C-alpha atoms as a PDB file:
ATOM      1  CA  MET A   1      38.043  24.672  11.983  1.00  0.00           C
ATOM      2  CA  GLY A   2      36.101  22.054  10.143  1.00  0.00           C
ATOM      3  CA  GLY A   3      32.668  20.847  11.042  1.00  0.00           C
ATOM      4  CA  VAL A   4      29.203  20.192   9.853  1.00  0.00           C
ATOM      5  CA  GLY A   5      26.433  22.706  10.279  1.00  0.00           C
ATOM      6  CA  ILE A   6      23.218  21.112  11.476  1.00  0.00           C
ATOM      7  CA  MET A   7      19.926  22.904  11.436  1.00  0.00           C
ATOM      8  CA  GLY A   8      16.678  21.426  12.649  1.00  0.00           C
ATOM      9  CA  VAL A   9      14.561  20.496  15.605  1.00  0.00           C
ATOM     10  CA  LEU A  10      16.132  18.268  18.210  1.00  0.00           C
ATOM     11  CA  THR A  11      13.737  15.809  19.819  1.00  0.00           C
ATOM     12  CA  PRO A  12      14.234  13.217  22.533  1.00  0.00           C
ATOM     13  CA  MET A  13      14.821   9.698  21.249  1.00  0.00           C
ATOM     14  CA  ASP A  14      14.785   6.409  22.997  1.00  0.00           C
ATOM     15  CA  THR A  15      15.552   3.428  20.775  1.00  0.00           C
ATOM     16  CA  ARG A  16      13.956   1.154  23.361  1.00  0.00           C
ATOM     17  CA  ASP A  17      10.565   2.772  22.690  1.00  0.00           C
ATOM     18  CA  THR A  18       8.084   0.253  21.268  1.00  0.00           C
ATOM     19  CA  TYR A  19       5.034   2.494  21.028  1.00  0.00           C
ATOM     20  CA  ALA A  20       3.586   4.222  18.023  1.00  0.00           C
ATOM     21  CA  VAL A  21       4.398   7.895  18.318  1.00  0.00           C
ATOM     22  CA  VAL A  22       3.584  10.639  15.867  1.00  0.00           C
ATOM     23  CA  ASP A  23       3.318  13.654  18.118  1.00  0.00           C
ATOM     24  CA  PRO A  24       5.209  16.857  18.869  1.00  0.00           C
ATOM     25  CA  VAL A  25       6.060  15.839  22.455  1.00  0.00           C
ATOM     26  CA  TYR A  26       7.968  12.629  21.804  1.00  0.00           C
ATOM     27  CA  GLY A  27       8.668  12.732  18.066  1.00  0.00           C
ATOM     28  CA  ILE A  28      10.278   9.302  18.234  1.00  0.00           C
ATOM     29  CA  ASP A  29      10.657   7.558  14.882  1.00  0.00           C
ATOM     30  CA  GLY A  30       7.045   8.041  13.759  1.00  0.00           C
ATOM     31  CA  LEU A  31       4.924   4.937  13.190  1.00  0.00           C
ATOM     32  CA  ARG A  32       5.734   1.904  15.294  1.00  0.00           C
ATOM     33  CA  ASN A  33       4.446  -1.651  15.370  1.00  0.00           C
ATOM     34  CA  VAL A  34       3.314  -3.914  18.171  1.00  0.00           C
ATOM     35  CA  THR A  35       3.464  -7.682  18.098  1.00  0.00           C
ATOM     36  CA  SER A  36      -0.207  -8.475  18.684  1.00  0.00           C
ATOM     37  CA  ILE A  37      -3.614  -6.872  19.129  1.00  0.00           C
ATOM     38  CA  ALA A  38      -3.304  -7.483  22.872  1.00  0.00           C
ATOM     39  CA  ASP A  39      -0.227  -5.218  22.887  1.00  0.00           C
ATOM     40  CA  LEU A  40      -2.381  -2.270  21.807  1.00  0.00           C
ATOM     41  CA  HIS A  41      -3.826  -2.235  25.337  1.00  0.00           C
ATOM     42  CA  THR A  42      -0.397  -1.934  26.931  1.00  0.00           C
ATOM     43  CA  ILE A  43       0.350   1.450  25.343  1.00  0.00           C
ATOM     44  CA  PRO A  44       0.262   3.773  28.378  1.00  0.00           C
ATOM     45  CA  PHE A  45      -1.796   6.932  28.603  1.00  0.00           C
ATOM     46  CA  THR A  46       1.289   9.135  28.234  1.00  0.00           C
ATOM     47  CA  ARG A  47       2.003   7.588  24.833  1.00  0.00           C
ATOM     48  CA  ARG A  48      -1.576   7.639  23.508  1.00  0.00           C
ATOM     49  CA  ARG A  49      -2.673  10.335  21.078  1.00  0.00           C
ATOM     50  CA  PRO A  50      -6.095  10.332  19.385  1.00  0.00           C
ATOM     51  CA  GLY A  51      -5.577   9.478  15.732  1.00  0.00           C
ATOM     52  CA  MET A  52      -2.265   7.688  16.230  1.00  0.00           C
ATOM     53  CA  ILE A  53      -1.789   4.676  13.966  1.00  0.00           C
ATOM     54  CA  VAL A  54      -0.216   1.443  15.144  1.00  0.00           C
ATOM     55  CA  GLY A  55       0.858  -1.463  12.965  1.00  0.00           C
ATOM     56  CA  VAL A  56       0.110  -4.903  14.389  1.00  0.00           C
ATOM     57  CA  ASN A  57       1.964  -8.127  13.589  1.00  0.00           C
ATOM     58  CA  GLY A  58       4.659  -6.558  11.448  1.00  0.00           C
ATOM     59  CA  GLY A  59       2.255  -4.220   9.652  1.00  0.00           C
ATOM     60  CA  GLU A  60      -0.224  -6.914   8.584  1.00  0.00           C
ATOM     61  CA  ASN A  61      -2.996  -4.772  10.084  1.00  0.00           C
ATOM     62  CA  TYR A  62      -3.204  -1.157  11.201  1.00  0.00           C
ATOM     63  CA  TYR A  63      -5.295   0.388  13.976  1.00  0.00           C
ATOM     64  CA  LYS A  64      -6.160   4.023  14.648  1.00  0.00           C
ATOM     65  CA  LEU A  65      -6.740   5.220  18.219  1.00  0.00           C
ATOM     66  CA  LYS A  66     -10.205   6.747  18.656  1.00  0.00           C
ATOM     67  CA  ASP A  67     -10.796  10.082  20.349  1.00  0.00           C
ATOM     68  CA  THR A  68     -12.922   8.735  23.231  1.00  0.00           C
ATOM     69  CA  ASN A  69     -12.684   7.889  26.896  1.00  0.00           C
ATOM     70  CA  TRP A  70     -10.419   4.901  26.569  1.00  0.00           C
ATOM     71  CA  ALA A  71     -11.437   1.578  28.078  1.00  0.00           C
ATOM     72  CA  TYR A  72      -7.999   0.072  27.357  1.00  0.00           C
ATOM     73  CA  ASP A  73      -9.507  -2.672  25.233  1.00  0.00           C
ATOM     74  CA  LEU A  74     -10.127  -3.171  21.511  1.00  0.00           C
ATOM     75  CA  THR A  75     -13.024  -0.671  21.562  1.00  0.00           C
ATOM     76  CA  ASP A  76     -10.395   2.092  21.826  1.00  0.00           C
ATOM     77  CA  TRP A  77      -9.169   1.245  18.319  1.00  0.00           C
ATOM     78  CA  GLU A  78     -10.553   1.350  14.786  1.00  0.00           C
ATOM     79  CA  GLU A  79      -9.115  -1.149  12.319  1.00  0.00           C
ATOM     80  CA  LEU A  80      -7.944   0.524   9.123  1.00  0.00           C
ATOM     81  CA  THR A  81      -8.371  -1.210   5.805  1.00  0.00           C
ATOM     82  CA  LEU A  82      -5.059  -0.312   4.238  1.00  0.00           C
ATOM     83  CA  LYS A  83      -4.505  -3.680   2.665  1.00  0.00           C
ATOM     84  CA  ILE A  84      -3.486  -3.122  -0.909  1.00  0.00           C
ATOM     85  CA  ARG A  85      -2.136  -6.097  -2.756  1.00  0.00           C
ATOM     86  CA  HIS A  86       0.072  -6.262  -5.809  1.00  0.00           C
ATOM     87  CA  ALA A  87       0.069  -8.473  -8.852  1.00  0.00           C
ATOM     88  CA  ASP A  88       3.477  -8.480 -10.494  1.00  0.00           C
ATOM     89  CA  ARG A  89       4.067  -9.563 -14.082  1.00  0.00           C
ATOM     90  CA  GLU A  90       0.748 -11.416 -14.297  1.00  0.00           C
ATOM     91  CA  VAL A  91       0.058 -13.146 -17.612  1.00  0.00           C
ATOM     92  CA  PRO A  92      -3.517 -12.140 -18.515  1.00  0.00           C
ATOM     93  CA  TYR A  93      -5.898 -14.873 -19.676  1.00  0.00           C
ATOM     94  CA  GLY A  94      -6.575 -14.881 -23.408  1.00  0.00           C
ATOM     95  CA  SER A  95      -5.353 -16.342 -26.647  1.00  0.00           C
ATOM     96  CA  VAL A  96      -2.334 -14.586 -28.169  1.00  0.00           C
ATOM     97  CA  ASN A  97      -3.075 -15.510 -31.789  1.00  0.00           C
ATOM     98  CA  GLY A  98      -2.913 -12.244 -33.746  1.00  0.00           C
ATOM     99  CA  ILE A  99      -6.729 -11.982 -33.775  1.00  0.00           C
ATOM    100  CA  ASN A 100      -7.803 -11.775 -30.108  1.00  0.00           C
ATOM    101  CA  ARG A 101      -7.741  -8.290 -28.586  1.00  0.00           C
ATOM    102  CA  VAL A 102      -9.402  -9.075 -25.206  1.00  0.00           C
ATOM    103  CA  PHE A 103      -7.538 -10.366 -22.157  1.00  0.00           C
ATOM    104  CA  ILE A 104      -8.666 -10.913 -18.555  1.00  0.00           C
ATOM    105  CA  LEU A 105      -6.756 -10.301 -15.312  1.00  0.00           C
ATOM    106  CA  THR A 106      -7.375 -12.368 -12.164  1.00  0.00           C
ATOM    107  CA  GLN A 107      -8.189  -9.219 -10.122  1.00  0.00           C
ATOM    108  CA  THR A 108      -9.629  -5.773 -10.820  1.00  0.00           C
ATOM    109  CA  PRO A 109      -6.796  -3.217 -10.741  1.00  0.00           C
ATOM    110  CA  GLU A 110      -7.033  -0.034  -8.685  1.00  0.00           C
ATOM    111  CA  LEU A 111      -7.782   2.875 -10.991  1.00  0.00           C
ATOM    112  CA  GLN A 112      -4.745   3.769 -13.138  1.00  0.00           C
ATOM    113  CA  SER A 113      -2.405   1.453 -11.229  1.00  0.00           C
ATOM    114  CA  GLU A 114      -1.781  -1.018 -14.035  1.00  0.00           C
ATOM    115  CA  HIS A 115       1.423  -1.221 -16.034  1.00  0.00           C
ATOM    116  CA  LEU A 116       0.803  -3.313 -19.135  1.00  0.00           C
ATOM    117  CA  PHE A 117       3.763  -4.605 -21.134  1.00  0.00           C
ATOM    118  CA  LEU A 118       3.685  -6.088 -24.617  1.00  0.00           C
ATOM    119  CA  ASN A 119       6.951  -7.831 -25.491  1.00  0.00           C
ATOM    120  CA  GLY A 120       8.665  -5.866 -22.715  1.00  0.00           C
ATOM    121  CA  ILE A 121       7.412  -2.458 -23.898  1.00  0.00           C
ATOM    122  CA  LEU A 122       5.160  -0.433 -21.607  1.00  0.00           C
ATOM    123  CA  GLN A 123       1.810   0.249 -23.273  1.00  0.00           C
ATOM    124  CA  ASP A 124      -0.170   3.488 -22.931  1.00  0.00           C
ATOM    125  CA  PRO A 125      -3.782   3.270 -21.734  1.00  0.00           C
ATOM    126  CA  GLY A 126      -6.642   5.141 -23.373  1.00  0.00           C
ATOM    127  CA  VAL A 127      -9.006   5.016 -26.314  1.00  0.00           C
ATOM    128  CA  ASP A 128      -6.503   6.675 -28.679  1.00  0.00           C
ATOM    129  CA  GLU A 129      -3.528   4.737 -27.288  1.00  0.00           C
ATOM    130  CA  ASP A 130      -2.572   1.034 -27.033  1.00  0.00           C
ATOM    131  CA  TYR A 131      -5.358  -0.419 -24.871  1.00  0.00           C
ATOM    132  CA  THR A 132      -8.349   0.275 -22.651  1.00  0.00           C
ATOM    133  CA  ILE A 133      -9.176  -1.392 -19.362  1.00  0.00           C
ATOM    134  CA  SER A 134     -12.574  -1.888 -17.774  1.00  0.00           C
ATOM    135  CA  GLY A 135     -12.744  -3.833 -14.519  1.00  0.00           C
ATOM    136  CA  SER A 136     -10.418  -6.765 -15.077  1.00  0.00           C
ATOM    137  CA  THR A 137     -10.784  -6.742 -18.879  1.00  0.00           C
ATOM    138  CA  ILE A 138      -7.996  -5.415 -21.088  1.00  0.00           C
ATOM    139  CA  THR A 139      -8.854  -4.609 -24.700  1.00  0.00           C
ATOM    140  CA  PHE A 140      -5.970  -3.885 -27.044  1.00  0.00           C
ATOM    141  CA  VAL A 141      -6.517  -1.454 -29.928  1.00  0.00           C
ATOM    142  CA  ASP A 142      -4.554  -3.836 -32.173  1.00  0.00           C
ATOM    143  CA  ALA A 143      -4.446  -7.572 -31.507  1.00  0.00           C
ATOM    144  CA  PRO A 144      -1.020  -8.687 -30.214  1.00  0.00           C
ATOM    145  CA  LEU A 145       0.853 -10.779 -32.754  1.00  0.00           C
ATOM    146  CA  GLU A 146       0.961 -14.534 -32.258  1.00  0.00           C
ATOM    147  CA  GLY A 147       3.694 -15.474 -29.783  1.00  0.00           C
ATOM    148  CA  SER A 148       3.757 -12.020 -28.149  1.00  0.00           C
ATOM    149  CA  ARG A 149       4.410 -11.791 -24.406  1.00  0.00           C
ATOM    150  CA  ILE A 150       1.847  -9.859 -22.344  1.00  0.00           C
ATOM    151  CA  ARG A 151       2.534  -8.998 -18.706  1.00  0.00           C
ATOM    152  CA  CYS A 152       0.614  -6.739 -16.345  1.00  0.00           C
ATOM    153  CA  SER A 153       1.563  -5.426 -12.896  1.00  0.00           C
ATOM    154  CA  TYR A 154      -1.056  -3.637 -10.800  1.00  0.00           C
ATOM    155  CA  ARG A 155      -2.473  -2.905  -7.354  1.00  0.00           C
ATOM    156  CA  TYR A 156      -5.798  -4.283  -6.134  1.00  0.00           C
ATOM    157  CA  LYS A 157      -7.785  -4.479  -2.912  1.00  0.00           C
END
């Protein structure tokens, strides 16, 4: 007879569940979102676990449930600062004239998150490589030739 062998833990699942659940009892889909901050207070005691994380407003903000005697208001929750933004294919400020080696980004990239492209080729960071970066300042080892295209993608807070 044919068939598929399945090995693993079976957990209850209810697709109507709208609460954030990352716990061994329910194990339902992991992180969930609620529509508004007010909806955090409607999560019942049976669904609350200290340390659980709930996304609010489609994941715009995240809140972590404190390990306290809950008052069922916003004091039960700690807002997490998980907001990381992206700059994609930004054109750094600076003259591309074959002489200038210094270019400025609009934001300061998170450490080692930048991907710098010169004429579509990914550049390697470091003193003995293609460029260095300090804050929002990019310094090329060799000045890009006049008419070159410089693009940088990176994460920032």
